[in-house]
């Protein structure tokens, strides 16, 4: 993974980010070109879709746009292209739920089953009572050479560490701050989607300015969300929240220490469950529900015995393709002619251990990380 060290105001952080990833600029430029070409083929980049999203960011998250401007300048990339790339997942989802590929004459929808599995455990559920937040990052394989571990010291707020991608907003997958608040996201295709704060904006704000799950929950309830995913978070005391992020509504599951929470790629809470759209090839149909069920059952069976080694083994689980937590690239599937696939697999796994920071355990790892599929990757400690 690429190691980034970033500090200061948003424009400075963008500039530093750009300078520190210059050696992967060709790979990044190719990925950006591919995503923008896909948007054009789908007709998902119309002003009617792009303008409201940009106006929402201008009103709600000027620091993000300032950071992107500095990043684009440092990489000598057109700012508009980088902004459109940053919004590409939202624009694809919006297109899919408003102009489905089943419509007569609609262009092919190029699939990207970017799953992710997250869970939280703490208190009596774990062997040492230690809080943990765990995530398998299932994403485009063209992001493997772009994965980043960033050490961020913002101009204002808490220091934090995060996993993301070169050329993307910093907290593009997960992170933890110096007070022990950890957060990770998943993607959910849903009809509850619209202009608001994207998950990477929400996660950055949580890490920079919140120390507890309660404070984070108050913030999440106070701002408009873009939707299209979930946020799982846990603090140093073991209190956990899963936010099912929707637009214009979100919903929340809150757990005290000892009560695990699980999130995959569908909504389960009453406000949003009916808005989830499952659109998977036959070989993966039902995979989000199956993964959630497997993790929930495993956590219940291992209650009181959950530790880092157990988490590493769980996230390497295979089984049938639809139930696999550790996901490998799939062969061509039957509906490929209608739904071309973008190659996706588990590209990293992280186990955050918030108590190590918040309780002054300087020798304890901040996290355990595996780059690539966790069944075969080498695990490493990530410390401050």
Protein backbone atom coordinates (compact mmCIF):
# COMPACT_ATOMS: atom_id res chain seq x y z
CA UNK A 1 0.00 0.00 0.00
CA UNK A 2 1.03 3.60 -0.55
CA UNK A 3 1.85 5.46 2.67
CA UNK A 4 0.74 9.10 2.78
CA UNK A 5 1.61 11.68 5.45
CA UNK A 6 -0.69 14.68 5.20
CA UNK A 7 -1.24 17.76 7.33
CA UNK A 8 -2.67 21.25 7.36
CA UNK A 9 -5.57 22.93 5.59
CA UNK A 10 -7.59 21.10 2.90
CA UNK A 11 -5.75 22.71 -0.04
CA UNK A 12 -2.38 21.77 1.48
CA UNK A 13 -3.55 18.22 2.11
CA UNK A 14 -4.71 17.95 -1.50
CA UNK A 15 -1.36 19.23 -2.79
CA UNK A 16 0.59 16.85 -0.54
CA UNK A 17 -1.60 13.94 -1.58
CA UNK A 18 -0.97 14.70 -5.24
CA UNK A 19 2.79 15.04 -4.84
CA UNK A 20 3.08 11.81 -2.84
CA UNK A 21 1.26 9.71 -5.48
CA UNK A 22 3.02 11.07 -8.58
CA UNK A 23 4.57 7.66 -9.27
CA UNK A 24 1.12 6.07 -9.74
CA UNK A 25 -0.33 8.94 -11.79
CA UNK A 26 -0.43 6.87 -15.02
CA UNK A 27 -2.43 4.11 -13.30
CA UNK A 28 -4.75 6.67 -11.70
CA UNK A 29 -5.27 8.53 -14.98
CA UNK A 30 -6.22 5.24 -16.68
CA UNK A 31 -8.76 4.41 -13.95
CA UNK A 32 -10.28 7.91 -14.15
CA UNK A 33 -10.55 7.69 -17.93
CA UNK A 34 -12.25 4.30 -17.70
CA UNK A 35 -14.81 5.49 -15.11
CA UNK A 36 -15.64 8.64 -17.05
CA UNK A 37 -16.00 6.69 -20.28
CA UNK A 38 -18.42 4.32 -18.55
CA UNK A 39 -20.48 7.26 -17.29
CA UNK A 40 -20.66 8.68 -20.81
CA UNK A 41 -21.74 5.33 -22.30
CA UNK A 42 -24.49 5.04 -19.74
CA UNK A 43 -25.57 8.65 -20.09
CA UNK A 44 -25.13 9.00 -16.33
CA UNK A 45 -23.13 12.24 -16.47
CA UNK A 46 -25.90 14.60 -17.57
CA UNK A 47 -26.06 18.11 -16.10
CA UNK A 48 -29.40 17.19 -14.52
CA UNK A 49 -27.59 14.52 -12.45
CA UNK A 50 -24.23 16.22 -11.88
CA UNK A 51 -25.28 19.78 -11.07
CA UNK A 52 -27.42 19.06 -7.94
CA UNK A 53 -24.68 16.83 -6.51
CA UNK A 54 -22.04 19.52 -7.03
CA UNK A 55 -24.27 22.24 -5.59
CA UNK A 56 -24.83 20.10 -2.49
CA UNK A 57 -21.08 19.68 -2.01
CA UNK A 58 -20.52 23.41 -2.48
CA UNK A 59 -23.05 24.11 0.27
CA UNK A 60 -22.24 21.25 2.65
CA UNK A 61 -18.56 20.36 2.20
CA UNK A 62 -16.39 23.17 0.78
CA UNK A 63 -13.24 21.58 2.33
CA UNK A 64 -13.72 18.52 0.10
CA UNK A 65 -13.80 20.64 -3.04
CA UNK A 66 -10.78 22.64 -1.86
CA UNK A 67 -8.87 19.41 -1.26
CA UNK A 68 -9.84 18.07 -4.70
CA UNK A 69 -8.68 21.32 -6.34
CA UNK A 70 -5.27 21.02 -4.69
CA UNK A 71 -5.05 17.36 -5.66
CA UNK A 72 -5.97 18.06 -9.28
CA UNK A 73 -3.40 20.88 -9.47
CA UNK A 74 -0.62 18.72 -8.06
CA UNK A 75 -1.38 15.90 -10.50
CA UNK A 76 -1.99 18.20 -13.49
CA UNK A 77 -5.45 16.68 -13.97
CA UNK A 78 -8.57 18.62 -15.01
CA UNK A 79 -10.48 19.52 -11.84
CA UNK A 80 -13.86 18.73 -13.39
CA UNK A 81 -12.67 15.26 -14.42
CA UNK A 82 -11.46 14.53 -10.89
CA UNK A 83 -14.72 15.79 -9.39
CA UNK A 84 -16.78 13.67 -11.80
CA UNK A 85 -14.63 10.65 -10.98
CA UNK A 86 -15.15 11.28 -7.27
CA UNK A 87 -18.93 11.27 -7.87
CA UNK A 88 -18.89 8.36 -10.32
CA UNK A 89 -20.30 5.72 -7.94
CA UNK A 90 -23.18 8.02 -6.98
CA UNK A 91 -23.92 8.89 -10.62
CA UNK A 92 -23.93 5.22 -11.64
CA UNK A 93 -26.29 4.33 -8.79
CA UNK A 94 -28.58 7.26 -9.56
CA UNK A 95 -28.72 6.20 -13.20
CA UNK A 96 -29.42 2.60 -12.29
CA UNK A 97 -32.37 3.34 -10.00
CA UNK A 98 -33.89 6.02 -12.24
CA UNK A 99 -33.20 4.56 -15.70
CA UNK A 100 -32.78 0.79 -15.20
CA UNK A 101 -30.99 -1.23 -17.86
CA UNK A 102 -34.18 -3.24 -18.42
CA UNK A 103 -35.77 -0.24 -20.16
CA UNK A 104 -36.11 -0.67 -23.94
CA UNK A 105 -33.12 0.74 -25.71
CA UNK A 106 -31.21 1.48 -22.51
CA UNK A 107 -27.41 1.10 -22.69
CA UNK A 108 -25.71 -1.83 -21.01
CA UNK A 109 -25.03 -1.32 -17.34
CA UNK A 110 -21.43 -2.15 -16.59
CA UNK A 111 -21.54 -3.99 -13.28
CA UNK A 112 -19.39 -3.39 -10.27
CA UNK A 113 -20.30 -5.67 -7.37
CA UNK A 114 -18.30 -3.64 -4.85
CA UNK A 115 -19.46 -5.48 -1.75
CA UNK A 116 -17.65 -5.07 1.59
CA UNK A 117 -18.42 -6.77 4.89
CA UNK A 118 -18.13 -4.92 8.22
CA UNK A 119 -18.79 -5.78 11.85
CA UNK A 120 -18.20 -4.44 15.35
CA UNK A 121 -17.71 -6.32 18.63
CA UNK A 122 -16.64 -5.38 22.15
CA UNK A 123 -17.19 -6.01 25.85
CA UNK A 124 -18.44 -9.46 26.82
CA UNK A 125 -18.48 -10.55 23.17
CA UNK A 126 -14.68 -10.43 22.91
CA UNK A 127 -12.02 -12.45 24.67
CA UNK A 128 -10.30 -9.42 26.21
CA UNK A 129 -13.25 -7.03 26.28
CA UNK A 130 -11.47 -5.06 23.60
CA UNK A 131 -13.50 -3.13 20.99
CA UNK A 132 -12.84 -3.94 17.36
CA UNK A 133 -14.17 -2.85 13.99
CA UNK A 134 -13.45 -5.18 11.07
CA UNK A 135 -13.86 -4.66 7.32
CA UNK A 136 -13.22 -6.61 4.15
CA UNK A 137 -12.83 -4.03 1.38
CA UNK A 138 -14.35 -5.51 -1.80
CA UNK A 139 -13.57 -3.13 -4.64
CA UNK A 140 -12.32 -2.73 -8.19
CA UNK A 141 -9.07 -4.61 -8.69
CA UNK A 142 -7.67 -1.67 -10.63
CA UNK A 143 -7.46 0.04 -7.23
CA UNK A 144 -5.00 -2.52 -5.86
CA UNK A 145 -1.95 -0.43 -6.90
CA UNK A 146 -3.79 2.71 -5.73
CA UNK A 147 -4.58 1.67 -2.15
CA UNK A 148 -3.35 4.10 0.50
CA UNK A 149 -2.70 4.22 4.22
CA UNK A 150 -2.83 7.89 5.19
CA UNK A 151 -1.60 9.55 8.41
CA UNK A 152 -3.59 12.79 8.57
CA UNK A 153 -3.10 15.78 10.86
CA UNK A 154 -5.84 18.25 9.92
CA UNK A 155 -5.48 21.97 10.55
CA UNK A 156 -8.30 21.65 13.06
CA UNK A 157 -9.47 18.50 14.81
CA UNK A 158 -8.14 15.09 15.77
CA UNK A 159 -5.35 13.25 14.03
CA UNK A 160 -6.55 10.17 12.22
CA UNK A 161 -5.40 7.24 10.10
CA UNK A 162 -7.40 5.99 7.14
CA UNK A 163 -7.50 3.55 4.25
CA UNK A 164 -8.43 4.84 0.83
CA UNK A 165 -7.27 5.16 -2.76
CA UNK A 166 -4.78 7.45 -4.44
CA UNK A 167 -6.65 10.29 -6.11
CA UNK A 168 -9.80 9.85 -4.00
CA UNK A 169 -11.05 11.63 -0.84
CA UNK A 170 -9.00 10.50 2.12
CA UNK A 171 -11.42 8.35 4.14
CA UNK A 172 -12.54 6.36 1.11
CA UNK A 173 -12.97 3.08 2.96
CA UNK A 174 -12.31 3.25 6.72
CA UNK A 175 -10.29 4.92 9.46
CA UNK A 176 -9.63 5.57 13.14
CA UNK A 177 -8.81 8.74 15.05
CA UNK A 178 -6.54 9.47 18.00
CA UNK A 179 -9.48 9.30 20.43
CA UNK A 180 -10.29 5.75 19.36
CA UNK A 181 -13.34 6.32 17.16
CA UNK A 182 -13.23 3.94 14.18
CA UNK A 183 -15.52 3.95 11.13
CA UNK A 184 -15.93 1.90 7.94
CA UNK A 185 -18.43 2.01 5.10
CA UNK A 186 -20.19 -0.34 2.69
CA UNK A 187 -22.02 0.35 -0.57
CA UNK A 188 -25.78 -0.24 -0.94
CA UNK A 189 -27.70 0.22 -4.17
CA UNK A 190 -30.91 1.97 -3.13
CA UNK A 191 -33.71 4.21 -4.35
CA UNK A 192 -33.00 6.40 -1.30
CA UNK A 193 -30.30 8.44 -3.02
CA UNK A 194 -29.90 12.13 -3.80
CA UNK A 195 -27.77 15.25 -3.32
CA UNK A 196 -26.16 15.39 0.11
CA UNK A 197 -22.98 14.42 1.94
CA UNK A 198 -21.32 11.28 0.55
CA UNK A 199 -19.96 8.64 2.89
CA UNK A 200 -16.35 9.77 2.48
CA UNK A 201 -17.33 13.28 3.62
CA UNK A 202 -19.26 11.92 6.60
CA UNK A 203 -16.39 9.64 7.64
CA UNK A 204 -13.81 12.43 7.40
CA UNK A 205 -15.94 14.68 9.61
CA UNK A 206 -16.46 11.89 12.16
CA UNK A 207 -12.75 11.17 12.46
CA UNK A 208 -11.67 14.81 12.55
CA UNK A 209 -14.20 16.09 15.08
CA UNK A 210 -15.84 13.31 17.09
CA UNK A 211 -14.52 11.13 19.92
CA UNK A 212 -17.51 8.96 20.79
CA UNK A 213 -20.27 6.99 19.12
CA UNK A 214 -22.86 9.23 20.78
CA UNK A 215 -21.34 12.41 19.38
CA UNK A 216 -20.98 10.77 15.96
CA UNK A 217 -24.62 9.71 16.02
CA UNK A 218 -25.77 13.25 16.84
CA UNK A 219 -23.77 14.57 13.89
CA UNK A 220 -25.04 11.96 11.44
CA UNK A 221 -28.63 12.75 12.39
CA UNK A 222 -28.06 16.48 11.84
CA UNK A 223 -26.89 16.54 8.21
CA UNK A 224 -28.34 15.51 4.82
CA UNK A 225 -26.85 12.31 3.38
CA UNK A 226 -26.28 11.35 -0.24
CA UNK A 227 -27.19 7.78 0.71
CA UNK A 228 -26.16 4.61 -1.10
CA UNK A 229 -24.42 2.87 1.78
CA UNK A 230 -23.84 2.16 5.44
CA UNK A 231 -21.41 3.41 8.06
CA UNK A 232 -20.33 1.14 10.92
CA UNK A 233 -18.54 2.81 13.83
CA UNK A 234 -17.32 1.96 17.30
CA UNK A 235 -15.63 4.02 20.00
CA UNK A 236 -12.99 3.25 22.61
CA UNK A 237 -15.63 2.32 25.20
CA UNK A 238 -17.23 -0.23 22.88
CA UNK A 239 -20.40 1.64 21.94
CA UNK A 240 -21.26 0.93 18.31
CA UNK A 241 -23.58 2.31 15.62
CA UNK A 242 -24.54 1.22 12.13
CA UNK A 243 -25.96 4.07 10.08
CA UNK A 244 -28.00 3.00 7.07
CA UNK A 245 -27.38 6.13 5.04
CA UNK A 246 -30.21 7.24 2.75
CA UNK A 247 -31.60 10.33 1.09
CA UNK A 248 -33.70 11.98 2.34
CA UNK A 249 -33.86 9.61 5.33
CA UNK A 250 -31.36 7.49 7.25
CA UNK A 251 -31.83 4.93 9.99
CA UNK A 252 -29.63 3.75 12.87
CA UNK A 253 -28.88 0.60 14.87
CA UNK A 254 -27.20 1.38 18.20
CA UNK A 255 -25.44 -1.21 20.38
CA UNK A 256 -23.99 -1.08 23.88
CA UNK A 257 -20.72 -2.93 24.64
CA UNK A 258 -21.16 -6.67 24.24
CA UNK A 259 -23.72 -6.36 21.43
CA UNK A 260 -22.12 -6.96 18.00
CA UNK A 261 -23.34 -5.19 14.87
CA UNK A 262 -22.98 -6.38 11.26
CA UNK A 263 -23.38 -4.55 7.96
CA UNK A 264 -23.02 -5.77 4.38
CA UNK A 265 -24.62 -4.39 1.21
CA UNK A 266 -28.32 -4.16 1.90
CA UNK A 267 -30.56 -2.19 4.23
CA UNK A 268 -32.32 -4.00 7.06
CA UNK A 269 -33.85 -1.25 9.22
CA UNK A 270 -37.51 -0.29 8.72
CA UNK A 271 -36.96 3.15 7.21
CA UNK A 272 -34.85 1.93 4.29
CA UNK A 273 -35.26 -1.84 3.85
CA UNK A 274 -37.88 -1.41 1.14
CA UNK A 275 -35.67 0.96 -0.86
CA UNK A 276 -32.81 -1.54 -1.33
CA UNK A 277 -32.30 -2.69 -4.92
CA UNK A 278 -30.69 -6.09 -5.42
CA UNK A 279 -29.20 -6.36 -8.89
CA UNK A 280 -26.62 -9.13 -8.97
CA UNK A 281 -25.63 -11.78 -11.52
CA UNK A 282 -27.07 -15.21 -10.81
CA UNK A 283 -23.85 -16.58 -9.28
CA UNK A 284 -23.92 -13.83 -6.62
CA UNK A 285 -27.65 -13.49 -6.04
CA UNK A 286 -28.40 -13.04 -2.36
CA UNK A 287 -24.74 -12.62 -1.41
CA UNK A 288 -25.24 -9.63 0.87
CA UNK A 289 -27.86 -11.44 2.96
CA UNK A 290 -25.80 -14.63 3.04
CA UNK A 291 -22.65 -12.83 4.19
CA UNK A 292 -24.55 -10.94 6.86
CA UNK A 293 -26.16 -14.16 8.10
CA UNK A 294 -22.82 -15.98 8.20
CA UNK A 295 -21.07 -13.24 10.20
CA UNK A 296 -24.02 -12.78 12.58
CA UNK A 297 -24.14 -16.52 13.30
CA UNK A 298 -20.36 -16.74 13.73
CA UNK A 299 -20.31 -13.83 16.19
CA UNK A 300 -23.09 -15.42 18.25
CA UNK A 301 -21.37 -18.83 18.34
CA UNK A 302 -18.02 -17.30 19.35
CA UNK A 303 -19.46 -14.94 21.99
CA UNK A 304 -16.80 -14.29 24.61
CA UNK A 305 -14.02 -15.79 22.47
CA UNK A 306 -13.69 -13.20 19.69
CA UNK A 307 -10.15 -11.88 19.25
CA UNK A 308 -7.84 -10.73 16.47
CA UNK A 309 -6.85 -14.23 15.34
CA UNK A 310 -10.51 -15.28 15.23
CA UNK A 311 -11.38 -12.18 13.18
CA UNK A 312 -8.58 -12.87 10.71
CA UNK A 313 -9.87 -16.41 10.17
CA UNK A 314 -13.49 -15.29 9.81
CA UNK A 315 -12.73 -12.70 7.15
CA UNK A 316 -10.84 -15.32 5.11
CA UNK A 317 -14.00 -17.47 4.84
CA UNK A 318 -14.88 -18.77 1.37
CA UNK A 319 -17.66 -21.34 0.91
CA UNK A 320 -20.00 -20.86 -2.04
CA UNK A 321 -19.27 -17.71 -4.11
CA UNK A 322 -22.46 -16.01 -2.94
CA UNK A 323 -21.61 -16.55 0.73
CA UNK A 324 -17.87 -15.85 0.59
CA UNK A 325 -16.48 -13.09 2.79
CA UNK A 326 -13.06 -13.32 1.12
CA UNK A 327 -14.02 -12.61 -2.47
CA UNK A 328 -11.92 -13.55 -5.49
CA UNK A 329 -12.45 -12.48 -9.12
CA UNK A 330 -15.32 -14.44 -10.64
CA UNK A 331 -15.40 -16.16 -14.03
CA UNK A 332 -17.62 -14.80 -16.79
CA UNK A 333 -21.25 -15.31 -15.80
CA UNK A 334 -24.31 -16.21 -17.83
CA UNK A 335 -25.70 -12.69 -18.13
CA UNK A 336 -22.35 -11.18 -19.14
CA UNK A 337 -23.67 -10.16 -22.55
CA UNK A 338 -26.23 -7.97 -20.83
CA UNK A 339 -24.22 -6.88 -17.80
CA UNK A 340 -20.47 -6.62 -18.48
CA UNK A 341 -18.53 -7.03 -15.23
CA UNK A 342 -15.86 -4.84 -13.74
CA UNK A 343 -13.34 -7.07 -11.97
CA UNK A 344 -13.89 -6.96 -8.22
CA UNK A 345 -12.39 -8.84 -5.29
CA UNK A 346 -11.39 -8.30 -1.65
CA UNK A 347 -8.43 -5.95 -1.98
CA UNK A 348 -7.72 -5.45 1.74
CA UNK A 349 -8.93 -6.29 5.24
CA UNK A 350 -8.54 -4.19 8.36
CA UNK A 351 -9.12 -4.90 12.06
CA UNK A 352 -9.24 -1.65 14.05
CA UNK A 353 -8.50 -1.84 17.78
CA UNK A 354 -9.67 1.49 19.24
CA UNK A 355 -8.75 0.79 22.86
CA UNK A 356 -5.05 0.73 22.03
CA UNK A 357 -5.11 4.47 21.35
CA UNK A 358 -7.73 5.73 23.74
CA UNK A 359 -6.37 3.90 26.79
CA UNK A 360 -2.76 4.86 26.24
CA UNK A 361 -1.55 1.38 25.22
CA UNK A 362 1.30 2.73 23.14
CA UNK A 363 2.71 -0.70 22.38
CA UNK A 364 -0.60 -2.06 21.08
CA UNK A 365 -1.27 -1.97 17.34
CA UNK A 366 -3.70 0.60 16.06
CA UNK A 367 -4.89 -1.96 13.52
CA UNK A 368 -4.10 -5.19 11.73
CA UNK A 369 -4.12 -4.99 7.94
CA UNK A 370 -3.95 -7.53 5.13
CA UNK A 371 -3.36 -6.27 1.60
CA UNK A 372 -5.17 -8.43 -0.95
CA UNK A 373 -7.43 -11.41 -0.28
CA UNK A 374 -7.18 -12.18 3.46
CA UNK A 375 -7.00 -15.93 2.85
CA UNK A 376 -3.48 -15.53 1.46
CA UNK A 377 -2.28 -12.04 2.39
CA UNK A 378 0.36 -11.28 5.00
CA UNK A 379 -1.08 -9.50 8.03
CA UNK A 380 0.79 -6.56 9.46
CA UNK A 381 0.42 -4.26 12.45
CA UNK A 382 -0.29 -0.61 11.72
CA UNK A 383 0.86 1.61 14.57
CA UNK A 384 1.14 5.34 15.08
